């Protein structure tokens, strides 16, 4: 019979997975307490969170094809949030420093291996994507404004030229 604590932990993990369609699975065993706290603060600042749980409970909380990504024993950190690309950049920096090991991830419900999960860091963050869209929209709008303003500018020049001619 499962213990009450494990049932509550499983319910909490299922809730976390349900709220985050994209996430990364990391092994935080090499992190010291201060580093773990600093990581959680960095993630919190960008709107992401890390939930640490037993790998066995995480496998139970995930769907069948997704559960295959989570292998091994021990603790597992689930990193999820609105801007998974920004969170992946933080995780990639820690992985390069050999402080965490990326085990896999999810992208909109699709299972990812460790290499693919790290490639999430190459995606633009939410703010960068918004800026790209704004730049893409701005260009044609500016051209349209210039085109609309050109006839009035020409008309103004013609009126000024006619006025100067009449004054002479």
Protein backbone atom coordinates (compact mmCIF):
# COMPACT_ATOMS: atom_id res chain seq x y z
CA UNK A 1 0.00 0.00 0.00
CA UNK A 2 1.51 3.38 -0.99
CA UNK A 3 2.18 5.80 1.77
CA UNK A 4 0.15 8.95 2.19
CA UNK A 5 3.26 11.07 1.60
CA UNK A 6 3.94 9.39 -1.74
CA UNK A 7 0.29 9.82 -2.80
CA UNK A 8 0.43 13.53 -1.99
CA UNK A 9 3.78 13.88 -3.77
CA UNK A 10 2.39 12.07 -6.83
CA UNK A 11 -0.64 14.37 -6.91
CA UNK A 12 1.64 17.41 -6.68
CA UNK A 13 3.85 16.13 -9.51
CA UNK A 14 0.81 15.40 -11.70
CA UNK A 15 -0.39 18.95 -11.08
CA UNK A 16 3.04 20.33 -12.02
CA UNK A 17 3.15 18.24 -15.21
CA UNK A 18 -0.41 19.29 -16.09
CA UNK A 19 0.44 22.98 -15.74
CA UNK A 20 3.67 22.73 -17.79
CA UNK A 21 3.41 21.16 -21.25
CA UNK A 22 7.12 21.89 -21.82
CA UNK A 23 9.74 21.00 -19.23
CA UNK A 24 13.22 19.66 -18.65
CA UNK A 25 14.27 16.76 -16.44
CA UNK A 26 17.57 17.30 -14.62
CA UNK A 27 19.57 15.40 -12.02
CA UNK A 28 20.31 17.98 -9.30
CA UNK A 29 22.43 15.63 -7.16
CA UNK A 30 25.66 17.59 -7.73
CA UNK A 31 24.17 20.89 -6.60
CA UNK A 32 24.96 22.12 -3.14
CA UNK A 33 22.19 23.71 -1.09
CA UNK A 34 23.26 27.29 -1.90
CA UNK A 35 23.54 26.47 -5.61
CA UNK A 36 20.13 24.84 -5.62
CA UNK A 37 18.62 27.88 -3.95
CA UNK A 38 20.37 30.19 -6.45
CA UNK A 39 19.04 28.08 -9.33
CA UNK A 40 15.51 28.25 -7.98
CA UNK A 41 15.80 32.04 -7.62
CA UNK A 42 17.05 32.40 -11.20
CA UNK A 43 14.21 30.24 -12.46
CA UNK A 44 11.68 32.15 -10.38
CA UNK A 45 12.91 35.45 -11.84
CA UNK A 46 12.04 34.28 -15.37
CA UNK A 47 8.73 32.71 -14.38
CA UNK A 48 9.88 29.10 -14.15
CA UNK A 49 9.98 26.65 -11.26
CA UNK A 50 11.85 23.51 -10.28
CA UNK A 51 10.18 20.63 -8.50
CA UNK A 52 12.44 17.87 -7.14
CA UNK A 53 10.92 14.42 -6.68
CA UNK A 54 11.73 10.74 -6.83
CA UNK A 55 12.24 9.48 -10.39
CA UNK A 56 9.83 6.62 -9.70
CA UNK A 57 7.04 9.05 -8.81
CA UNK A 58 7.77 11.19 -11.86
CA UNK A 59 7.47 8.10 -14.12
CA UNK A 60 4.07 7.37 -12.58
CA UNK A 61 2.92 10.95 -13.12
CA UNK A 62 3.83 11.00 -16.82
CA UNK A 63 2.01 9.40 -19.76
CA UNK A 64 3.31 6.07 -21.05
CA UNK A 65 5.44 7.25 -24.03
CA UNK A 66 6.81 10.17 -22.04
CA UNK A 67 7.72 8.07 -19.00
CA UNK A 68 10.42 6.28 -21.02
CA UNK A 69 12.48 9.50 -21.01
CA UNK A 70 12.80 9.33 -17.23
CA UNK A 71 15.16 6.50 -16.41
CA UNK A 72 17.31 5.68 -13.44
CA UNK A 73 16.79 6.08 -9.74
CA UNK A 74 17.18 8.86 -7.24
CA UNK A 75 15.91 12.39 -7.33
CA UNK A 76 14.88 14.21 -10.44
CA UNK A 77 14.32 17.92 -10.94
CA UNK A 78 11.41 18.97 -13.13
CA UNK A 79 11.98 22.46 -14.56
CA UNK A 80 8.97 24.07 -16.15
CA UNK A 81 7.39 27.42 -16.76
CA UNK A 82 5.95 29.79 -19.33
CA UNK A 83 9.31 30.51 -20.96
CA UNK A 84 11.02 27.12 -21.21
CA UNK A 85 13.70 28.50 -23.56
CA UNK A 86 14.95 30.95 -20.92
CA UNK A 87 14.92 28.19 -18.29
CA UNK A 88 16.80 25.89 -20.68
CA UNK A 89 19.52 28.53 -21.05
CA UNK A 90 20.03 28.58 -17.28
CA UNK A 91 20.09 24.77 -17.16
CA UNK A 92 22.51 24.61 -20.11
CA UNK A 93 24.95 26.90 -18.27
CA UNK A 94 24.82 24.62 -15.22
CA UNK A 95 25.22 21.51 -17.39
CA UNK A 96 28.30 23.02 -19.07
CA UNK A 97 29.71 23.73 -15.59
CA UNK A 98 29.00 20.04 -14.77
CA UNK A 99 26.67 20.96 -11.89
CA UNK A 100 23.54 19.23 -13.25
CA UNK A 101 22.92 16.41 -15.68
CA UNK A 102 20.08 16.80 -18.15
CA UNK A 103 18.13 13.56 -18.50
CA UNK A 104 15.50 14.64 -20.99
CA UNK A 105 12.48 16.80 -21.37
CA UNK A 106 9.10 17.52 -22.88
CA UNK A 107 8.22 20.00 -25.60
CA UNK A 108 4.46 20.55 -25.81
CA UNK A 109 3.96 16.97 -24.62
CA UNK A 110 6.52 15.42 -26.98
CA UNK A 111 9.29 13.48 -25.22
CA UNK A 112 12.85 14.71 -25.79
CA UNK A 113 16.16 13.02 -25.08
CA UNK A 114 18.89 14.91 -23.19
CA UNK A 115 20.52 16.35 -26.32
CA UNK A 116 17.22 17.59 -27.74
CA UNK A 117 16.22 19.05 -24.37
CA UNK A 118 19.42 21.10 -24.30
CA UNK A 119 18.58 22.40 -27.78
CA UNK A 120 15.60 24.19 -26.22
CA UNK A 121 18.18 26.70 -25.00
CA UNK A 122 18.88 27.68 -28.63
CA UNK A 123 15.30 28.85 -29.08
CA UNK A 124 14.57 32.52 -28.55
CA UNK A 125 13.10 33.38 -25.17
CA UNK A 126 9.58 34.74 -24.93
CA UNK A 127 10.81 38.35 -24.86
CA UNK A 128 13.20 37.77 -27.77
CA UNK A 129 10.41 36.19 -29.82
CA UNK A 130 8.14 39.16 -29.11
CA UNK A 131 10.89 41.55 -30.22
CA UNK A 132 11.39 39.55 -33.44
CA UNK A 133 7.67 39.74 -34.21
CA UNK A 134 7.60 43.46 -33.44
CA UNK A 135 10.55 44.06 -35.80
CA UNK A 136 8.92 41.96 -38.51
CA UNK A 137 5.65 43.89 -38.22
CA UNK A 138 7.30 47.29 -37.86
CA UNK A 139 9.12 47.22 -41.21
CA UNK A 140 6.08 47.03 -43.50
CA UNK A 141 4.13 49.49 -41.33
CA UNK A 142 6.92 52.08 -41.57
CA UNK A 143 7.10 51.62 -45.36
CA UNK A 144 3.33 52.05 -45.61
CA UNK A 145 3.45 55.23 -43.53
CA UNK A 146 6.18 56.66 -45.76
CA UNK A 147 4.21 55.78 -48.90
CA UNK A 148 1.07 57.40 -47.53
CA UNK A 149 2.96 60.50 -46.47
CA UNK A 150 4.78 60.98 -49.82
CA UNK A 151 1.85 62.41 -51.87
CA UNK A 152 1.04 64.95 -49.15
CA UNK A 153 4.68 65.95 -48.98
CA UNK A 154 4.72 66.46 -52.77
CA UNK A 155 1.48 68.44 -52.62
CA UNK A 156 2.93 70.64 -49.88
CA UNK A 157 6.04 71.30 -51.96
CA UNK A 158 3.90 72.16 -55.00
CA UNK A 159 1.78 74.58 -52.96
CA UNK A 160 4.91 76.25 -51.52
CA UNK A 161 6.44 76.55 -55.00
CA UNK A 162 3.23 78.09 -56.36
CA UNK A 163 3.09 80.52 -53.42
CA UNK A 164 6.70 81.59 -53.99
CA UNK A 165 6.00 82.03 -57.70
CA UNK A 166 2.96 84.21 -56.99
CA UNK A 167 4.91 86.32 -54.49
CA UNK A 168 7.52 87.16 -57.13
